[in-house]
Amino acid sequence: MKPRMLIAGDDRTRAIACAEAAGFEVVERNPAVVLCHGGDGTLLRAERMWPEIPKIPARLGKGAQLCEQHSLDSILDRYRRDELECSKLEMLQCSLGESRFFALNDVVLRNDNPALALRFRLFVDDVELGSETTGDGVVLATPFGSTGYYHTLTRQRFEEGIGIAFNNCTRAALPPVVLDSSRVVRVDVTRGPGVLTHDNDRRTVHLRQGHRFEISRAERVATVHGLDALACQTCFRYDAETFNPH
């Protein structure tokens, strides 16, 4: 029986042709694995839409020259031969009232109006971390997400735990914080309005003074095969006149 594969991404025609040539049955529901054909955003969206189903990330060849090891054909062939490394990625759970959101990358609180700063208090296991903070917001990231927005703010990354990065805050020398993943973080908005987002979900939650949310390690994980294919920056030829790493 052919393994059932669902395709997530924009270049579906090419991805479907490669999947079928590699011996997969391309389906629209109940897949055994999801091919995330695109970039980081495609993987995040796929994990949100098809949670807990294994994912295979693969870069688009359009606009980028992929190295031989990370071409789509090679990735699918390696998966069929059980040669792709399987990673179990920790996720965050964001609790807001009765609502629950799950993030593979990060949860971000920022000011709704760029002309107005937020004020918020941050607690770790109900113990306040510092004092009231004023600024553009805060980023709470997973190790996987520490290469994204968290890294932009801190120029750092981490391998384990929950990372906290402060965005343009007025308190002097607010360093990033990396907590053990067993800790629970609570953020209280003391002056809004603010906007709460997670990963690249376009659905946002608007927070006002008195609103709060909690961040903890999720019980579920994201299963990703061949994560090196998504992280391989040498695969890209963005423009022959600007940058060509090959």
Protein backbone atom coordinates (compact mmCIF):
# COMPACT_ATOMS: atom_id res chain seq x y z
CA MET A 1 0.00 0.00 0.00
CA LYS A 2 1.29 3.44 -0.91
CA PRO A 3 1.82 5.85 2.01
CA ARG A 4 -0.83 8.59 2.08
CA MET A 5 0.61 12.09 1.69
CA LEU A 6 -1.09 15.48 1.90
CA ILE A 7 0.57 18.44 0.16
CA ALA A 8 0.79 21.81 1.93
CA GLY A 9 2.28 24.72 -0.02
CA ASP A 10 1.85 26.83 -3.13
CA ASP A 11 3.62 24.87 -5.87
CA ARG A 12 1.21 21.96 -5.66
CA THR A 13 1.56 20.85 -9.28
CA ARG A 14 5.27 20.14 -8.95
CA ALA A 15 4.97 18.74 -5.42
CA ILE A 16 2.19 16.33 -6.42
CA ALA A 17 4.17 15.11 -9.44
CA CYS A 18 7.26 14.46 -7.29
CA ALA A 19 5.23 12.73 -4.57
CA GLU A 20 3.47 10.42 -7.00
CA ALA A 21 6.75 9.63 -8.79
CA ALA A 22 8.24 8.71 -5.39
CA GLY A 23 5.41 6.23 -4.75
CA PHE A 24 3.07 8.23 -2.50
CA GLU A 25 -0.70 8.43 -2.76
CA VAL A 26 -1.61 12.13 -2.66
CA VAL A 27 -4.75 12.68 -0.55
CA GLU A 28 -6.82 15.55 0.83
CA ARG A 29 -7.66 13.98 4.20
CA ASN A 30 -6.43 11.37 6.68
CA PRO A 31 -2.77 11.49 5.58
CA ALA A 32 0.04 9.52 7.15
CA VAL A 33 2.43 12.43 6.50
CA VAL A 34 2.22 16.04 5.33
CA LEU A 35 4.69 17.41 2.81
CA CYS A 36 5.33 21.09 3.66
CA HIS A 37 6.57 22.38 0.32
CA GLY A 38 7.65 25.98 0.82
CA GLY A 39 9.43 27.44 3.84
CA ASP A 40 9.16 27.94 7.58
CA GLY A 41 5.71 29.50 7.28
CA THR A 42 4.36 26.50 5.40
CA LEU A 43 5.52 24.18 8.18
CA LEU A 44 3.93 26.38 10.87
CA ARG A 45 0.65 26.56 8.98
CA ALA A 46 0.62 22.81 8.35
CA GLU A 47 1.19 22.01 12.03
CA ARG A 48 -1.72 24.26 12.91
CA MET A 49 -4.05 22.68 10.33
CA TRP A 50 -2.96 19.03 10.76
CA PRO A 51 -1.64 18.79 14.33
CA GLU A 52 0.37 15.77 15.47
CA ILE A 53 0.63 14.32 11.96
CA PRO A 54 4.30 13.92 10.90
CA LYS A 55 5.63 16.64 8.59
CA ILE A 56 8.32 16.66 5.90
CA PRO A 57 9.63 20.18 5.17
CA ALA A 58 11.04 20.91 1.72
CA ARG A 59 12.19 24.19 0.24
CA LEU A 60 10.71 25.46 -2.97
CA GLY A 61 13.07 25.18 -5.90
CA LYS A 62 11.41 28.15 -7.61
CA GLY A 63 13.63 31.19 -7.06
CA ALA A 64 16.17 29.11 -5.16
CA GLN A 65 18.76 26.60 -6.31
CA LEU A 66 18.62 23.60 -3.99
CA CYS A 67 21.63 21.46 -3.26
CA GLU A 68 21.38 17.85 -4.39
CA GLN A 69 20.82 16.49 -0.88
CA HIS A 70 17.85 18.77 -0.23
CA SER A 71 16.03 18.69 -3.54
CA LEU A 72 12.42 17.54 -3.27
CA ASP A 73 13.09 14.30 -5.13
CA SER A 74 15.98 13.49 -2.80
CA ILE A 75 14.00 14.26 0.36
CA LEU A 76 11.08 12.05 -0.66
CA ASP A 77 13.40 9.22 -1.67
CA ARG A 78 15.25 9.45 1.67
CA TYR A 79 11.95 9.39 3.56
CA ARG A 80 10.80 6.24 1.74
CA ARG A 81 14.12 4.61 2.67
CA ASP A 82 13.71 5.74 6.31
CA GLU A 83 16.87 7.85 6.10
CA LEU A 84 15.43 11.20 7.23
CA GLU A 85 16.13 12.07 10.85
CA CYS A 86 12.95 12.36 12.94
CA SER A 87 12.76 15.33 15.34
CA LYS A 88 10.24 15.79 18.15
CA LEU A 89 9.85 19.54 18.59
CA GLU A 90 8.47 21.03 21.79
CA MET A 91 5.51 23.38 21.45
CA LEU A 92 4.02 26.10 23.63
CA GLN A 93 0.48 26.22 24.94
CA CYS A 94 -1.05 29.66 25.33
CA SER A 95 -4.02 29.78 27.69
CA LEU A 96 -6.30 32.80 27.47
CA GLY A 97 -9.47 32.40 29.50
CA GLU A 98 -11.16 29.26 28.15
CA SER A 99 -9.20 29.38 24.87
CA ARG A 100 -6.09 27.35 24.11
CA PHE A 101 -3.59 28.01 21.33
CA PHE A 102 -0.54 25.97 20.37
CA ALA A 103 2.66 27.40 18.92
CA LEU A 104 5.60 25.64 17.31
CA ASN A 105 7.52 28.91 16.88
CA ASP A 106 6.46 31.61 19.33
CA VAL A 107 3.73 33.57 21.07
CA VAL A 108 4.03 37.34 20.68
CA LEU A 109 2.41 40.19 22.57
CA ARG A 110 2.90 43.61 21.05
CA ASN A 111 1.35 47.06 21.09
CA ASP A 112 -1.74 47.42 18.92
CA ASN A 113 -0.89 51.02 18.07
CA PRO A 114 2.80 51.64 17.28
CA ALA A 115 2.45 55.17 18.69
CA LEU A 116 1.47 53.83 22.12
CA ALA A 117 3.60 51.63 24.36
CA LEU A 118 2.29 48.62 26.24
CA ARG A 119 2.65 48.10 29.94
CA PHE A 120 2.74 44.59 31.30
CA ARG A 121 3.92 42.45 34.20
CA LEU A 122 5.52 39.06 33.74
CA PHE A 123 5.33 36.23 36.27
CA VAL A 124 7.17 32.89 36.40
CA ASP A 125 5.34 30.31 38.52
CA ASP A 126 3.41 33.24 40.10
CA VAL A 127 6.62 35.07 41.09
CA GLU A 128 7.03 38.41 39.33
CA LEU A 129 10.07 38.72 37.08
CA GLY A 130 11.33 42.24 37.70
CA SER A 131 8.65 44.93 37.74
CA GLU A 132 6.16 46.51 35.38
CA THR A 133 7.63 46.79 31.89
CA THR A 134 6.86 49.44 29.28
CA GLY A 135 7.60 48.88 25.62
CA ASP A 136 6.48 47.33 22.36
CA GLY A 137 5.90 43.88 23.83
CA VAL A 138 7.40 40.49 24.54
CA VAL A 139 8.21 37.33 22.58
CA LEU A 140 7.96 33.85 24.13
CA ALA A 141 9.67 31.27 21.96
CA THR A 142 10.40 27.58 21.63
CA PRO A 143 13.92 26.36 20.77
CA PHE A 144 12.73 25.94 17.16
CA GLY A 145 11.34 29.49 17.21
CA SER A 146 14.52 30.91 18.74
CA THR A 147 15.93 31.27 15.22
CA GLY A 148 13.07 33.63 14.25
CA TYR A 149 11.69 36.75 15.94
CA TYR A 150 13.47 35.86 19.20
CA HIS A 151 16.80 35.84 17.36
CA THR A 152 16.01 39.14 15.65
CA LEU A 153 15.57 40.79 19.04
CA THR A 154 18.41 39.06 20.91
CA ARG A 155 20.90 37.79 18.31
CA GLN A 156 20.85 34.60 20.36
CA ARG A 157 19.26 31.18 20.15
CA PHE A 158 18.79 28.32 22.60
CA GLU A 159 18.39 24.56 22.47
CA GLU A 160 16.05 23.86 25.42
CA GLY A 161 13.34 25.60 27.43
CA ILE A 162 11.17 28.69 26.93
CA GLY A 163 12.82 31.88 25.75
CA ILE A 164 11.60 35.35 26.68
CA ALA A 165 12.73 38.39 24.67
CA PHE A 166 11.65 41.95 25.37
CA ASN A 167 10.78 44.17 22.42
CA ASN A 168 12.03 47.77 22.64
CA CYS A 169 11.34 48.11 26.36
CA THR A 170 12.25 51.21 28.36
CA ARG A 171 13.80 49.42 31.33
CA ALA A 172 17.54 49.55 30.86
CA ALA A 173 19.43 46.40 29.91
CA LEU A 174 16.55 43.95 29.87
CA PRO A 175 18.33 40.75 28.82
CA PRO A 176 16.56 37.78 27.28
CA VAL A 177 15.60 35.00 29.69
CA VAL A 178 15.60 31.25 29.02
CA LEU A 179 13.53 29.20 31.46
CA ASP A 180 13.25 25.50 32.06
CA SER A 181 10.34 24.20 30.01
CA SER A 182 8.56 23.03 33.17
CA ARG A 183 7.96 26.64 34.23
CA VAL A 184 4.69 28.51 33.66
CA VAL A 185 4.82 32.11 32.47
CA ARG A 186 1.98 34.57 32.99
CA VAL A 187 1.72 37.96 31.33
CA ASP A 188 -0.65 40.59 32.75
CA VAL A 189 -1.49 43.58 30.56
CA THR A 190 -1.55 46.67 32.78
CA ARG A 191 -2.05 49.12 29.92
CA GLY A 192 -3.17 48.27 26.41
CA PRO A 193 -4.31 47.91 23.82
CA GLY A 194 -2.18 44.96 22.77
CA VAL A 195 -2.31 42.25 20.13
CA LEU A 196 -1.57 38.58 20.85
CA THR A 197 -0.40 36.34 18.02
CA HIS A 198 1.08 32.86 17.70
CA ASP A 199 3.28 31.53 14.91
CA ASN A 200 2.15 33.02 11.58
CA ASP A 201 -1.58 32.74 12.28
CA ARG A 202 -3.33 35.81 10.89
CA ARG A 203 -6.02 35.50 13.54
CA THR A 204 -5.12 37.82 16.39
CA VAL A 205 -6.50 38.49 19.87
CA HIS A 206 -6.83 42.06 21.12
CA LEU A 207 -6.00 42.56 24.79
CA ARG A 208 -6.87 45.45 27.06
CA GLN A 209 -5.90 46.47 30.57
CA GLY A 210 -6.60 43.64 33.00
CA HIS A 211 -6.29 40.85 30.43
CA ARG A 212 -3.77 38.09 31.04
CA PHE A 213 -2.51 34.91 29.42
CA GLU A 214 -0.31 31.96 30.42
CA ILE A 215 2.42 30.17 28.52
CA SER A 216 3.50 26.61 29.29
CA ARG A 217 5.00 23.63 27.52
CA ALA A 218 2.36 21.85 25.50
CA GLU A 219 1.73 18.16 26.09
CA ARG A 220 1.88 17.51 22.37
CA VAL A 221 4.94 17.83 20.13
CA ALA A 222 5.51 18.40 16.43
CA THR A 223 7.04 15.46 14.57
CA VAL A 224 9.26 16.62 11.71
CA HIS A 225 11.29 14.44 9.37
CA GLY A 226 14.39 15.91 7.70
CA LEU A 227 14.46 19.22 9.52
CA ASP A 228 17.90 19.88 8.04
CA ALA A 229 16.23 20.39 4.67
CA LEU A 230 14.31 23.40 6.00
CA ALA A 231 17.33 24.81 7.79
CA CYS A 232 19.79 24.48 4.92
CA GLN A 233 20.54 28.11 4.09
CA THR A 234 23.15 27.16 1.47
CA CYS A 235 20.33 25.87 -0.72
CA PHE A 236 19.30 29.36 -1.78
CA ARG A 237 20.27 31.35 -4.82
CA TYR A 238 18.15 34.42 -4.20
CA ASP A 239 19.33 36.43 -7.18
CA ALA A 240 22.28 35.88 -9.47
CA GLU A 241 23.23 39.56 -9.23
CA THR A 242 22.95 39.92 -5.45
CA PHE A 243 23.82 36.70 -3.65
CA ASN A 244 24.85 33.25 -4.72
CA PRO A 245 26.20 31.03 -1.94
CA HIS A 246 27.07 28.17 -4.29
